[in-house]
Protein backbone atom coordinates (compact mmCIF):
# COMPACT_ATOMS: atom_id res chain seq x y z
CA MET A 1 56.11 -13.27 7.33
CA SER A 2 54.75 -16.74 8.20
CA LEU A 3 51.31 -17.84 7.72
CA HIS A 4 50.80 -17.68 11.38
CA HIS A 5 51.56 -14.04 11.66
CA PHE A 6 49.55 -13.12 8.76
CA SER A 7 46.12 -15.05 10.57
CA VAL A 8 47.00 -13.13 13.65
CA ILE A 9 46.82 -9.66 11.51
CA VAL A 10 44.07 -10.74 10.00
CA LEU A 11 42.03 -11.93 13.23
CA ALA A 12 42.96 -8.23 14.99
CA ILE A 13 41.52 -6.37 12.03
CA GLY A 14 38.62 -8.65 12.05
CA ARG A 15 38.00 -7.75 16.01
CA GLN A 16 38.49 -3.97 15.47
CA ARG A 17 35.95 -3.96 12.79
CA GLU A 18 33.54 -5.70 14.90
CA ARG A 19 34.17 -3.47 17.80
CA GLY A 20 33.35 -0.45 15.53
CA GLN A 21 30.29 -2.31 14.45
CA GLY A 22 29.23 -2.63 17.67
CA MET A 23 29.57 0.91 18.81
CA ALA A 24 27.85 1.91 15.89
CA GLU A 25 24.92 -0.11 16.58
CA TYR A 26 24.87 1.32 20.45
CA GLY A 27 24.91 4.77 18.66
CA LEU A 28 21.71 3.65 16.33
CA ILE A 29 19.86 2.32 19.61
CA ILE A 30 20.74 5.74 21.56
CA THR A 31 19.51 7.75 18.59
CA LEU A 32 16.21 5.69 18.33
CA ILE A 33 15.77 5.95 22.10
CA ALA A 34 16.09 9.84 22.11
CA LEU A 35 13.91 9.84 19.12
CA VAL A 36 11.09 8.19 20.82
CA CYS A 37 11.65 10.48 24.04
CA VAL A 38 11.46 13.57 21.85
CA LEU A 39 8.23 12.48 20.30
CA ALA A 40 6.49 11.29 23.43
CA MET A 41 7.37 14.96 25.07
CA ILE A 42 5.93 16.75 21.82
CA SER A 43 2.88 14.36 22.10
CA ILE A 44 2.03 15.04 25.96
CA GLY A 45 3.50 18.55 26.39
CA GLY A 46 0.43 20.62 26.07
CA SER A 47 -1.27 18.28 28.61
CA LEU A 48 1.74 18.16 30.92
CA SER A 49 2.02 22.05 30.59
CA ASP A 50 -2.11 22.45 31.49
CA MET A 51 -1.42 20.28 34.52
CA TYR A 52 1.77 22.21 35.77
CA ASN A 53 -0.28 25.40 35.34
CA THR A 54 -3.22 23.89 37.02
CA VAL A 55 -1.03 22.86 40.26
CA ALA A 56 0.66 26.16 40.11
CA ALA A 57 -2.32 28.02 40.23
CA ILE A 58 -3.69 26.07 43.25
CA PHE A 59 -0.55 27.26 45.25
CA GLN A 60 -0.57 30.80 44.10
């Protein structure tokens, strides 16, 4: 195996690792966004429920 073939293989492995690392970062970002959304829904859930009940009572 020549040095050129070896360097091509090493570069290909490096690209695969970088692609995997990028996907892991996207997964962490999506998880963080989902966590923020869930926490926001929990914190405003009570007042949002009261508002919907008030509006529903108006239309009855």
